[in-house]
PDB file of N, CA and C in Angstrom:
ATOM      1  N   UNK A   1      16.646  -7.834  17.114  1.00  0.00           N
ATOM      2  CA  UNK A   1      15.423  -8.514  16.723  1.00  0.00           C
ATOM      3  C   UNK A   1      14.341  -7.508  16.329  1.00  0.00           C
ATOM      4  N   UNK A   2      14.181  -6.487  17.147  1.00  0.00           N
ATOM      5  CA  UNK A   2      13.168  -5.473  16.858  1.00  0.00           C
ATOM      6  C   UNK A   2      13.517  -4.698  15.584  1.00  0.00           C
ATOM      7  N   UNK A   3      14.814  -4.439  15.389  1.00  0.00           N
ATOM      8  CA  UNK A   3      15.244  -3.751  14.172  1.00  0.00           C
ATOM      9  C   UNK A   3      14.951  -4.601  12.942  1.00  0.00           C
ATOM     10  N   UNK A   4      15.136  -5.901  13.050  1.00  0.00           N
ATOM     11  CA  UNK A   4      14.867  -6.793  11.919  1.00  0.00           C
ATOM     12  C   UNK A   4      13.371  -6.796  11.575  1.00  0.00           C
ATOM     13  N   UNK A   5      12.516  -6.809  12.595  1.00  0.00           N
ATOM     14  CA  UNK A   5      11.075  -6.745  12.350  1.00  0.00           C
ATOM     15  C   UNK A   5      10.687  -5.422  11.701  1.00  0.00           C
ATOM     16  N   UNK A   6      11.302  -4.345  12.181  1.00  0.00           N
ATOM     17  CA  UNK A   6      11.021  -3.031  11.597  1.00  0.00           C
ATOM     18  C   UNK A   6      11.445  -2.993  10.136  1.00  0.00           C
ATOM     19  N   UNK A   7      12.584  -3.605   9.825  1.00  0.00           N
ATOM     20  CA  UNK A   7      13.071  -3.625   8.446  1.00  0.00           C
ATOM     21  C   UNK A   7      12.136  -4.426   7.543  1.00  0.00           C
ATOM     22  N   UNK A   8      11.603  -5.528   8.057  1.00  0.00           N
ATOM     23  CA  UNK A   8      10.685  -6.357   7.270  1.00  0.00           C
ATOM     24  C   UNK A   8       9.403  -5.592   6.958  1.00  0.00           C
ATOM     25  N   UNK A   9       8.897  -4.858   7.934  1.00  0.00           N
ATOM     26  CA  UNK A   9       7.621  -4.149   7.767  1.00  0.00           C
ATOM     27  C   UNK A   9       7.794  -2.825   7.023  1.00  0.00           C
ATOM     28  N   UNK A  10       8.948  -2.174   7.180  1.00  0.00           N
ATOM     29  CA  UNK A  10       9.091  -0.819   6.644  1.00  0.00           C
ATOM     30  C   UNK A  10       9.155  -0.774   5.120  1.00  0.00           C
ATOM     31  N   UNK A  11       9.772  -1.749   4.468  1.00  0.00           N
ATOM     32  CA  UNK A  11       9.849  -1.708   3.005  1.00  0.00           C
ATOM     33  C   UNK A  11       8.468  -1.765   2.352  1.00  0.00           C
ATOM     34  N   UNK A  12       7.624  -2.725   2.685  1.00  0.00           N
ATOM     35  CA  UNK A  12       6.291  -2.703   2.062  1.00  0.00           C
ATOM     36  C   UNK A  12       5.440  -1.518   2.518  1.00  0.00           C
ATOM     37  N   UNK A  13       5.639  -1.060   3.756  1.00  0.00           N
ATOM     38  CA  UNK A  13       4.884   0.091   4.251  1.00  0.00           C
ATOM     39  C   UNK A  13       5.162   1.320   3.394  1.00  0.00           C
ATOM     40  N   UNK A  14       6.427   1.653   3.241  1.00  0.00           N
ATOM     41  CA  UNK A  14       6.772   2.865   2.502  1.00  0.00           C
ATOM     42  C   UNK A  14       6.560   2.711   1.000  1.00  0.00           C
ATOM     43  N   UNK A  15       6.660   1.499   0.485  1.00  0.00           N
ATOM     44  CA  UNK A  15       6.364   1.280  -0.930  1.00  0.00           C
ATOM     45  C   UNK A  15       4.887   1.537  -1.204  1.00  0.00           C
ATOM     46  N   UNK A  16       4.011   0.959  -0.386  1.00  0.00           N
ATOM     47  CA  UNK A  16       2.570   1.170  -0.564  1.00  0.00           C
ATOM     48  C   UNK A  16       2.195   2.628  -0.326  1.00  0.00           C
ATOM     49  N   UNK A  17       2.811   3.246   0.665  1.00  0.00           N
ATOM     50  CA  UNK A  17       2.556   4.661   0.944  1.00  0.00           C
ATOM     51  C   UNK A  17       2.934   5.518  -0.262  1.00  0.00           C
ATOM     52  N   UNK A  18       4.091   5.245  -0.844  1.00  0.00           N
ATOM     53  CA  UNK A  18       4.539   6.007  -2.006  1.00  0.00           C
ATOM     54  C   UNK A  18       3.676   5.792  -3.230  1.00  0.00           C
ATOM     55  N   UNK A  19       3.192   4.571  -3.423  1.00  0.00           N
ATOM     56  CA  UNK A  19       2.329   4.300  -4.577  1.00  0.00           C
ATOM     57  C   UNK A  19       1.023   5.078  -4.457  1.00  0.00           C
ATOM     58  N   UNK A  20       0.420   5.077  -3.285  1.00  0.00           N
ATOM     59  CA  UNK A  20      -0.859   5.778  -3.109  1.00  0.00           C
ATOM     60  C   UNK A  20      -0.671   7.288  -3.217  1.00  0.00           C
ATOM     61  N   UNK A  21       0.302   7.827  -2.490  1.00  0.00           N
ATOM     62  CA  UNK A  21       0.490   9.282  -2.505  1.00  0.00           C
ATOM     63  C   UNK A  21       0.970   9.760  -3.875  1.00  0.00           C
ATOM     64  N   UNK A  22       1.979   9.097  -4.416  1.00  0.00           N
ATOM     65  CA  UNK A  22       2.501   9.507  -5.720  1.00  0.00           C
ATOM     66  C   UNK A  22       1.485   9.353  -6.828  1.00  0.00           C
ATOM     67  N   UNK A  23       0.780   8.237  -6.835  1.00  0.00           N
ATOM     68  CA  UNK A  23      -0.230   8.018  -7.867  1.00  0.00           C
ATOM     69  C   UNK A  23      -1.369   9.013  -7.782  1.00  0.00           C
ATOM     70  N   UNK A  24      -1.785   9.323  -6.562  1.00  0.00           N
ATOM     71  CA  UNK A  24      -2.892  10.267  -6.398  1.00  0.00           C
ATOM     72  C   UNK A  24      -2.479  11.684  -6.780  1.00  0.00           C
ATOM     73  N   UNK A  25      -1.280  12.075  -6.399  1.00  0.00           N
ATOM     74  CA  UNK A  25      -0.848  13.446  -6.703  1.00  0.00           C
ATOM     75  C   UNK A  25      -0.566  13.615  -8.192  1.00  0.00           C
ATOM     76  N   UNK A  26       0.208  12.704  -8.761  1.00  0.00           N
ATOM     77  CA  UNK A  26       0.528  12.811 -10.189  1.00  0.00           C
ATOM     78  C   UNK A  26      -0.734  12.614 -11.034  1.00  0.00           C
ATOM     79  N   UNK A  27      -1.577  11.679 -10.630  1.00  0.00           N
ATOM     80  CA  UNK A  27      -2.793  11.420 -11.395  1.00  0.00           C
ATOM     81  C   UNK A  27      -3.810  12.536 -11.335  1.00  0.00           C
ATOM     82  N   UNK A  28      -3.743  13.371 -10.308  1.00  0.00           N
ATOM     83  CA  UNK A  28      -4.717  14.454 -10.187  1.00  0.00           C
ATOM     84  C   UNK A  28      -4.278  15.726 -10.911  1.00  0.00           C
ATOM     85  N   UNK A  29      -3.086  15.742 -11.471  1.00  0.00           N
ATOM     86  CA  UNK A  29      -2.624  16.937 -12.184  1.00  0.00           C
ATOM     87  C   UNK A  29      -3.516  17.333 -13.362  1.00  0.00           C
ATOM     88  N   UNK A  30      -4.056  16.391 -14.133  1.00  0.00           N
ATOM     89  CA  UNK A  30      -4.979  16.824 -15.201  1.00  0.00           C
ATOM     90  C   UNK A  30      -6.227  17.537 -14.666  1.00  0.00           C
ATOM     91  N   UNK A  31      -6.566  17.295 -13.408  1.00  0.00           N
ATOM     92  CA  UNK A  31      -7.712  17.980 -12.829  1.00  0.00           C
ATOM     93  C   UNK A  31      -7.503  19.477 -12.716  1.00  0.00           C
ATOM     94  N   UNK A  32      -6.251  19.902 -12.649  1.00  0.00           N
ATOM     95  CA  UNK A  32      -5.974  21.339 -12.629  1.00  0.00           C
ATOM     96  C   UNK A  32      -6.356  21.995 -13.951  1.00  0.00           C
ATOM     97  N   UNK A  33      -6.130  21.284 -15.035  1.00  0.00           N
ATOM     98  CA  UNK A  33      -6.350  21.855 -16.363  1.00  0.00           C
ATOM     99  C   UNK A  33      -7.770  21.596 -16.865  1.00  0.00           C
ATOM    100  N   UNK A  34      -8.265  20.385 -16.641  1.00  0.00           N
ATOM    101  CA  UNK A  34      -9.516  19.986 -17.283  1.00  0.00           C
ATOM    102  C   UNK A  34     -10.761  20.470 -16.554  1.00  0.00           C
ATOM    103  N   UNK A  35     -10.888  20.148 -15.270  1.00  0.00           N
ATOM    104  CA  UNK A  35     -12.136  20.506 -14.599  1.00  0.00           C
ATOM    105  C   UNK A  35     -11.936  21.319 -13.322  1.00  0.00           C
ATOM    106  N   UNK A  36     -10.715  21.586 -12.937  1.00  0.00           N
ATOM    107  CA  UNK A  36     -10.465  22.424 -11.775  1.00  0.00           C
ATOM    108  C   UNK A  36     -10.738  21.769 -10.441  1.00  0.00           C
ATOM    109  N   UNK A  37     -10.827  20.441 -10.411  1.00  0.00           N
ATOM    110  CA  UNK A  37     -11.089  19.740  -9.151  1.00  0.00           C
ATOM    111  C   UNK A  37      -9.998  18.700  -8.877  1.00  0.00           C
ATOM    112  N   UNK A  38      -8.759  19.120  -8.654  1.00  0.00           N
ATOM    113  CA  UNK A  38      -7.691  18.148  -8.451  1.00  0.00           C
ATOM    114  C   UNK A  38      -7.800  17.408  -7.120  1.00  0.00           C
ATOM    115  N   UNK A  39      -8.370  18.025  -6.097  1.00  0.00           N
ATOM    116  CA  UNK A  39      -8.485  17.346  -4.805  1.00  0.00           C
ATOM    117  C   UNK A  39      -9.472  16.189  -4.877  1.00  0.00           C
ATOM    118  N   UNK A  40     -10.559  16.387  -5.585  1.00  0.00           N
ATOM    119  CA  UNK A  40     -11.527  15.298  -5.772  1.00  0.00           C
ATOM    120  C   UNK A  40     -10.902  14.161  -6.581  1.00  0.00           C
ATOM    121  N   UNK A  41     -10.138  14.517  -7.605  1.00  0.00           N
ATOM    122  CA  UNK A  41      -9.463  13.495  -8.413  1.00  0.00           C
ATOM    123  C   UNK A  41      -8.437  12.742  -7.576  1.00  0.00           C
ATOM    124  N   UNK A  42      -7.694  13.452  -6.722  1.00  0.00           N
ATOM    125  CA  UNK A  42      -6.708  12.800  -5.859  1.00  0.00           C
ATOM    126  C   UNK A  42      -7.391  11.845  -4.892  1.00  0.00           C
ATOM    127  N   UNK A  43      -8.517  12.255  -4.339  1.00  0.00           N
ATOM    128  CA  UNK A  43      -9.262  11.385  -3.425  1.00  0.00           C
ATOM    129  C   UNK A  43      -9.748  10.132  -4.138  1.00  0.00           C
ATOM    130  N   UNK A  44     -10.330  10.289  -5.307  1.00  0.00           N
ATOM    131  CA  UNK A  44     -10.825   9.133  -6.064  1.00  0.00           C
ATOM    132  C   UNK A  44      -9.693   8.191  -6.460  1.00  0.00           C
ATOM    133  N   UNK A  45      -8.572   8.749  -6.881  1.00  0.00           N
ATOM    134  CA  UNK A  45      -7.432   7.918  -7.258  1.00  0.00           C
ATOM    135  C   UNK A  45      -6.851   7.180  -6.057  1.00  0.00           C
ATOM    136  N   UNK A  46      -6.735   7.857  -4.926  1.00  0.00           N
ATOM    137  CA  UNK A  46      -6.185   7.211  -3.728  1.00  0.00           C
ATOM    138  C   UNK A  46      -7.064   6.048  -3.289  1.00  0.00           C
ATOM    139  N   UNK A  47      -8.361   6.223  -3.388  1.00  0.00           N
ATOM    140  CA  UNK A  47      -9.280   5.144  -3.016  1.00  0.00           C
ATOM    141  C   UNK A  47      -9.099   3.944  -3.942  1.00  0.00           C
ATOM    142  N   UNK A  48      -8.917   4.196  -5.229  1.00  0.00           N
ATOM    143  CA  UNK A  48      -8.745   3.111  -6.185  1.00  0.00           C
ATOM    144  C   UNK A  48      -7.367   2.476  -6.165  1.00  0.00           C
ATOM    145  N   UNK A  49      -6.374   3.202  -5.694  1.00  0.00           N
ATOM    146  CA  UNK A  49      -5.000   2.697  -5.706  1.00  0.00           C
ATOM    147  C   UNK A  49      -4.630   1.873  -4.478  1.00  0.00           C
ATOM    148  N   UNK A  50      -5.473   1.848  -3.469  1.00  0.00           N
ATOM    149  CA  UNK A  50      -5.108   1.143  -2.228  1.00  0.00           C
ATOM    150  C   UNK A  50      -4.783  -0.325  -2.475  1.00  0.00           C
ATOM    151  N   UNK A  51      -5.636  -1.023  -3.174  1.00  0.00           N
ATOM    152  CA  UNK A  51      -5.410  -2.448  -3.427  1.00  0.00           C
ATOM    153  C   UNK A  51      -4.158  -2.665  -4.263  1.00  0.00           C
ATOM    154  N   UNK A  52      -3.983  -1.856  -5.309  1.00  0.00           N
ATOM    155  CA  UNK A  52      -2.826  -2.030  -6.183  1.00  0.00           C
ATOM    156  C   UNK A  52      -1.537  -1.679  -5.459  1.00  0.00           C
ATOM    157  N   UNK A  53      -1.598  -0.738  -4.547  1.00  0.00           N
ATOM    158  CA  UNK A  53      -0.409  -0.404  -3.763  1.00  0.00           C
ATOM    159  C   UNK A  53       0.016  -1.582  -2.897  1.00  0.00           C
ATOM    160  N   UNK A  54      -0.951  -2.301  -2.350  1.00  0.00           N
ATOM    161  CA  UNK A  54      -0.614  -3.482  -1.548  1.00  0.00           C
ATOM    162  C   UNK A  54       0.004  -4.566  -2.417  1.00  0.00           C
ATOM    163  N   UNK A  55      -0.541  -4.775  -3.607  1.00  0.00           N
ATOM    164  CA  UNK A  55       0.000  -5.796  -4.515  1.00  0.00           C
ATOM    165  C   UNK A  55       1.426  -5.439  -4.917  1.00  0.00           C
ATOM    166  N   UNK A  56       1.668  -4.175  -5.230  1.00  0.00           N
ATOM    167  CA  UNK A  56       3.017  -3.738  -5.597  1.00  0.00           C
ATOM    168  C   UNK A  56       3.971  -3.911  -4.420  1.00  0.00           C
ATOM    169  N   UNK A  57       3.525  -3.557  -3.222  1.00  0.00           N
ATOM    170  CA  UNK A  57       4.407  -3.589  -2.057  1.00  0.00           C
ATOM    171  C   UNK A  57       4.814  -5.001  -1.656  1.00  0.00           C
ATOM    172  N   UNK A  58       3.949  -5.973  -1.862  1.00  0.00           N
ATOM    173  CA  UNK A  58       4.328  -7.339  -1.481  1.00  0.00           C
ATOM    174  C   UNK A  58       4.980  -8.080  -2.635  1.00  0.00           C
ATOM    175  N   UNK A  59       5.185  -7.410  -3.756  1.00  0.00           N
ATOM    176  CA  UNK A  59       5.915  -8.012  -4.863  1.00  0.00           C
ATOM    177  C   UNK A  59       5.074  -8.857  -5.779  1.00  0.00           C
ATOM    178  N   UNK A  60       3.822  -8.550  -5.910  1.00  0.00           N
ATOM    179  CA  UNK A  60       2.924  -9.360  -6.734  1.00  0.00           C
ATOM    180  C   UNK A  60       2.237 -10.401  -5.873  1.00  0.00           C
ATOM    181  N   UNK A  61       1.253 -11.039  -6.425  1.00  0.00           N
ATOM    182  CA  UNK A  61       0.460 -11.956  -5.610  1.00  0.00           C
ATOM    183  C   UNK A  61       0.993 -13.374  -5.602  1.00  0.00           C
ATOM    184  N   UNK A  62       1.511 -13.852  -6.713  1.00  0.00           N
ATOM    185  CA  UNK A  62       1.881 -15.262  -6.787  1.00  0.00           C
ATOM    186  C   UNK A  62       3.065 -15.640  -5.896  1.00  0.00           C
ATOM    187  N   UNK A  63       4.144 -14.861  -5.821  1.00  0.00           N
ATOM    188  CA  UNK A  63       5.221 -15.248  -4.901  1.00  0.00           C
ATOM    189  C   UNK A  63       4.769 -15.285  -3.443  1.00  0.00           C
ATOM    190  N   UNK A  64       3.907 -14.359  -3.068  1.00  0.00           N
ATOM    191  CA  UNK A  64       3.419 -14.343  -1.693  1.00  0.00           C
ATOM    192  C   UNK A  64       2.530 -15.543  -1.418  1.00  0.00           C
ATOM    193  N   UNK A  65       1.663 -15.875  -2.361  1.00  0.00           N
ATOM    194  CA  UNK A  65       0.785 -17.036  -2.175  1.00  0.00           C
ATOM    195  C   UNK A  65       1.602 -18.319  -2.119  1.00  0.00           C
ATOM    196  N   UNK A  66       2.621 -18.425  -2.964  1.00  0.00           N
ATOM    197  CA  UNK A  66       3.486 -19.615  -2.925  1.00  0.00           C
ATOM    198  C   UNK A  66       4.222 -19.717  -1.597  1.00  0.00           C
ATOM    199  N   UNK A  67       4.720 -18.588  -1.092  1.00  0.00           N
ATOM    200  CA  UNK A  67       5.423 -18.603   0.190  1.00  0.00           C
ATOM    201  C   UNK A  67       4.474 -18.974   1.323  1.00  0.00           C
ATOM    202  N   UNK A  68       3.253 -18.450   1.281  1.00  0.00           N
ATOM    203  CA  UNK A  68       2.273 -18.814   2.309  1.00  0.00           C
ATOM    204  C   UNK A  68       1.929 -20.299   2.236  1.00  0.00           C
ATOM    205  N   UNK A  69       1.747 -20.802   1.027  1.00  0.00           N
ATOM    206  CA  UNK A  69       1.412 -22.213   0.857  1.00  0.00           C
ATOM    207  C   UNK A  69       2.536 -23.111   1.354  1.00  0.00           C
ATOM    208  N   UNK A  70       3.765 -22.808   0.982  1.00  0.00           N
ATOM    209  CA  UNK A  70       4.880 -23.660   1.399  1.00  0.00           C
ATOM    210  C   UNK A  70       5.112 -23.579   2.900  1.00  0.00           C
ATOM    211  N   UNK A  71       4.873 -22.422   3.496  1.00  0.00           N
ATOM    212  CA  UNK A  71       5.082 -22.309   4.939  1.00  0.00           C
ATOM    213  C   UNK A  71       3.982 -23.014   5.720  1.00  0.00           C
ATOM    214  N   UNK A  72       2.753 -22.959   5.229  1.00  0.00           N
ATOM    215  CA  UNK A  72       1.660 -23.639   5.929  1.00  0.00           C
ATOM    216  C   UNK A  72       1.791 -25.146   5.781  1.00  0.00           C
ATOM    217  N   UNK A  73       2.008 -25.606   4.549  1.00  0.00           N
ATOM    218  CA  UNK A  73       2.104 -27.045   4.318  1.00  0.00           C
ATOM    219  C   UNK A  73       3.407 -27.627   4.848  1.00  0.00           C
ATOM    220  N   UNK A  74       4.466 -26.836   4.845  1.00  0.00           N
ATOM    221  CA  UNK A  74       5.757 -27.318   5.322  1.00  0.00           C
ATOM    222  C   UNK A  74       5.975 -27.109   6.804  1.00  0.00           C
ATOM    223  N   UNK A  75       5.081 -26.410   7.460  1.00  0.00           N
ATOM    224  CA  UNK A  75       5.207 -26.174   8.891  1.00  0.00           C
ATOM    225  C   UNK A  75       6.282 -25.164   9.253  1.00  0.00           C
ATOM    226  N   UNK A  76       6.630 -24.285   8.330  1.00  0.00           N
ATOM    227  CA  UNK A  76       7.644 -23.266   8.583  1.00  0.00           C
ATOM    228  C   UNK A  76       6.961 -22.001   9.098  1.00  0.00           C
ATOM    229  N   UNK A  77       6.875 -21.871  10.394  1.00  0.00           N
ATOM    230  CA  UNK A  77       6.155 -20.750  10.986  1.00  0.00           C
ATOM    231  C   UNK A  77       6.899 -19.432  10.826  1.00  0.00           C
ATOM    232  N   UNK A  78       8.222 -19.483  10.726  1.00  0.00           N
ATOM    233  CA  UNK A  78       8.992 -18.257  10.563  1.00  0.00           C
ATOM    234  C   UNK A  78       8.692 -17.592   9.215  1.00  0.00           C
ATOM    235  N   UNK A  79       8.610 -18.387   8.163  1.00  0.00           N
ATOM    236  CA  UNK A  79       8.285 -17.853   6.834  1.00  0.00           C
ATOM    237  C   UNK A  79       6.848 -17.332   6.818  1.00  0.00           C
ATOM    238  N   UNK A  80       5.949 -18.051   7.464  1.00  0.00           N
ATOM    239  CA  UNK A  80       4.555 -17.609   7.544  1.00  0.00           C
ATOM    240  C   UNK A  80       4.459 -16.269   8.266  1.00  0.00           C
ATOM    241  N   UNK A  81       5.160 -16.139   9.380  1.00  0.00           N
ATOM    242  CA  UNK A  81       5.155 -14.881  10.122  1.00  0.00           C
ATOM    243  C   UNK A  81       5.720 -13.733   9.312  1.00  0.00           C
ATOM    244  N   UNK A  82       6.794 -13.997   8.561  1.00  0.00           N
ATOM    245  CA  UNK A  82       7.394 -12.950   7.734  1.00  0.00           C
ATOM    246  C   UNK A  82       6.430 -12.496   6.649  1.00  0.00           C
ATOM    247  N   UNK A  83       5.752 -13.431   6.000  1.00  0.00           N
ATOM    248  CA  UNK A  83       4.801 -13.065   4.949  1.00  0.00           C
ATOM    249  C   UNK A  83       3.620 -12.282   5.520  1.00  0.00           C
ATOM    250  N   UNK A  84       3.163 -12.666   6.692  1.00  0.00           N
ATOM    251  CA  UNK A  84       2.065 -11.925   7.319  1.00  0.00           C
ATOM    252  C   UNK A  84       2.500 -10.517   7.706  1.00  0.00           C
ATOM    253  N   UNK A  85       3.758 -10.361   8.144  1.00  0.00           N
ATOM    254  CA  UNK A  85       4.274  -9.023   8.442  1.00  0.00           C
ATOM    255  C   UNK A  85       4.386  -8.175   7.175  1.00  0.00           C
ATOM    256  N   UNK A  86       4.797  -8.788   6.074  1.00  0.00           N
ATOM    257  CA  UNK A  86       4.862  -8.060   4.803  1.00  0.00           C
ATOM    258  C   UNK A  86       3.481  -7.567   4.378  1.00  0.00           C
ATOM    259  N   UNK A  87       2.493  -8.433   4.494  1.00  0.00           N
ATOM    260  CA  UNK A  87       1.129  -8.062   4.115  1.00  0.00           C
ATOM    261  C   UNK A  87       0.591  -6.979   5.044  1.00  0.00           C
ATOM    262  N   UNK A  88       0.861  -7.108   6.344  1.00  0.00           N
ATOM    263  CA  UNK A  88       0.403  -6.095   7.301  1.00  0.00           C
ATOM    264  C   UNK A  88       1.068  -4.751   7.036  1.00  0.00           C
ATOM    265  N   UNK A  89       2.362  -4.761   6.738  1.00  0.00           N
ATOM    266  CA  UNK A  89       3.060  -3.516   6.427  1.00  0.00           C
ATOM    267  C   UNK A  89       2.501  -2.848   5.184  1.00  0.00           C
ATOM    268  N   UNK A  90       2.219  -3.646   4.156  1.00  0.00           N
ATOM    269  CA  UNK A  90       1.648  -3.096   2.925  1.00  0.00           C
ATOM    270  C   UNK A  90       0.253  -2.530   3.182  1.00  0.00           C
ATOM    271  N   UNK A  91      -0.535  -3.230   3.977  1.00  0.00           N
ATOM    272  CA  UNK A  91      -1.882  -2.763   4.312  1.00  0.00           C
ATOM    273  C   UNK A  91      -1.826  -1.438   5.071  1.00  0.00           C
ATOM    274  N   UNK A  92      -0.944  -1.371   6.052  1.00  0.00           N
ATOM    275  CA  UNK A  92      -0.823  -0.139   6.835  1.00  0.00           C
ATOM    276  C   UNK A  92      -0.317   1.021   5.983  1.00  0.00           C
ATOM    277  N   UNK A  93       0.632   0.760   5.101  1.00  0.00           N
ATOM    278  CA  UNK A  93       1.145   1.819   4.232  1.00  0.00           C
ATOM    279  C   UNK A  93       0.095   2.341   3.271  1.00  0.00           C
ATOM    280  N   UNK A  94      -0.673   1.434   2.666  1.00  0.00           N
ATOM    281  CA  UNK A  94      -1.715   1.857   1.730  1.00  0.00           C
ATOM    282  C   UNK A  94      -2.797   2.657   2.444  1.00  0.00           C
ATOM    283  N   UNK A  95      -3.182   2.225   3.626  1.00  0.00           N
ATOM    284  CA  UNK A  95      -4.214   2.959   4.358  1.00  0.00           C
ATOM    285  C   UNK A  95      -3.701   4.287   4.895  1.00  0.00           C
ATOM    286  N   UNK A  96      -2.432   4.352   5.264  1.00  0.00           N
ATOM    287  CA  UNK A  96      -1.859   5.625   5.702  1.00  0.00           C
ATOM    288  C   UNK A  96      -1.827   6.622   4.548  1.00  0.00           C
ATOM    289  N   UNK A  97      -1.425   6.168   3.375  1.00  0.00           N
ATOM    290  CA  UNK A  97      -1.436   7.043   2.200  1.00  0.00           C
ATOM    291  C   UNK A  97      -2.839   7.520   1.863  1.00  0.00           C
ATOM    292  N   UNK A  98      -3.806   6.614   1.943  1.00  0.00           N
ATOM    293  CA  UNK A  98      -5.201   6.984   1.682  1.00  0.00           C
ATOM    294  C   UNK A  98      -5.685   8.009   2.705  1.00  0.00           C
ATOM    295  N   UNK A  99      -5.321   7.812   3.966  1.00  0.00           N
ATOM    296  CA  UNK A  99      -5.717   8.748   5.015  1.00  0.00           C
ATOM    297  C   UNK A  99      -5.102  10.127   4.776  1.00  0.00           C
ATOM    298  N   UNK A 100      -3.824  10.157   4.388  1.00  0.00           N
ATOM    299  CA  UNK A 100      -3.167  11.440   4.131  1.00  0.00           C
ATOM    300  C   UNK A 100      -3.823  12.184   2.965  1.00  0.00           C
ATOM    301  N   UNK A 101      -4.098  11.481   1.891  1.00  0.00           N
ATOM    302  CA  UNK A 101      -4.739  12.123   0.735  1.00  0.00           C
ATOM    303  C   UNK A 101      -6.153  12.566   1.091  1.00  0.00           C
ATOM    304  N   UNK A 102      -6.880  11.737   1.833  1.00  0.00           N
ATOM    305  CA  UNK A 102      -8.238  12.110   2.250  1.00  0.00           C
ATOM    306  C   UNK A 102      -8.206  13.346   3.137  1.00  0.00           C
ATOM    307  N   UNK A 103      -7.240  13.417   4.037  1.00  0.00           N
ATOM    308  CA  UNK A 103      -7.112  14.576   4.910  1.00  0.00           C
ATOM    309  C   UNK A 103      -6.762  15.828   4.109  1.00  0.00           C
ATOM    310  N   UNK A 104      -5.837  15.698   3.165  1.00  0.00           N
ATOM    311  CA  UNK A 104      -5.472  16.848   2.334  1.00  0.00           C
ATOM    312  C   UNK A 104      -6.619  17.297   1.438  1.00  0.00           C
ATOM    313  N   UNK A 105      -7.446  16.356   1.016  1.00  0.00           N
ATOM    314  CA  UNK A 105      -8.568  16.686   0.131  1.00  0.00           C
ATOM    315  C   UNK A 105      -9.770  17.225   0.897  1.00  0.00           C
ATOM    316  N   UNK A 106      -9.689  17.288   2.198  1.00  0.00           N
ATOM    317  CA  UNK A 106     -10.784  17.849   2.977  1.00  0.00           C
ATOM    318  C   UNK A 106     -11.768  16.826   3.486  1.00  0.00           C
ATOM    319  N   UNK A 107     -11.357  15.593   3.636  1.00  0.00           N
ATOM    320  CA  UNK A 107     -12.233  14.545   4.148  1.00  0.00           C
ATOM    321  C   UNK A 107     -12.917  13.781   3.041  1.00  0.00           C
ATOM    322  N   UNK A 108     -13.605  12.724   3.439  1.00  0.00           N
ATOM    323  CA  UNK A 108     -14.328  11.885   2.471  1.00  0.00           C
ATOM    324  C   UNK A 108     -15.456  12.702   1.859  1.00  0.00           C
ATOM    325  N   UNK A 109     -15.521  12.681   0.552  1.00  0.00           N
ATOM    326  CA  UNK A 109     -16.503  13.538  -0.131  1.00  0.00           C
ATOM    327  C   UNK A 109     -17.588  12.722  -0.758  1.00  0.00           C
TER     328      UNK A 109
END
């Protein structure tokens, strides 16, 4: 049971984490050439990518909203719990990625 919960949460967690870290690192590469401030660019990108990382990790917004609607109106608490775990995992992954990039960039600037 615990392994199943971990599996449900881990996919959106690591997807959101990868989107924030990968997007911030790859997106900050022009900062090396153009203005010499890649850490500031990585910080700004990570801050802007948090929301999009969550959307990517939960598979877009409409399937999740439909699943939440059908579980609430249909009284299916198991589906509701699974969707909430997916959203929580994506939120935690995006914030962990943001924290890592902020720490590497020297804190909030």
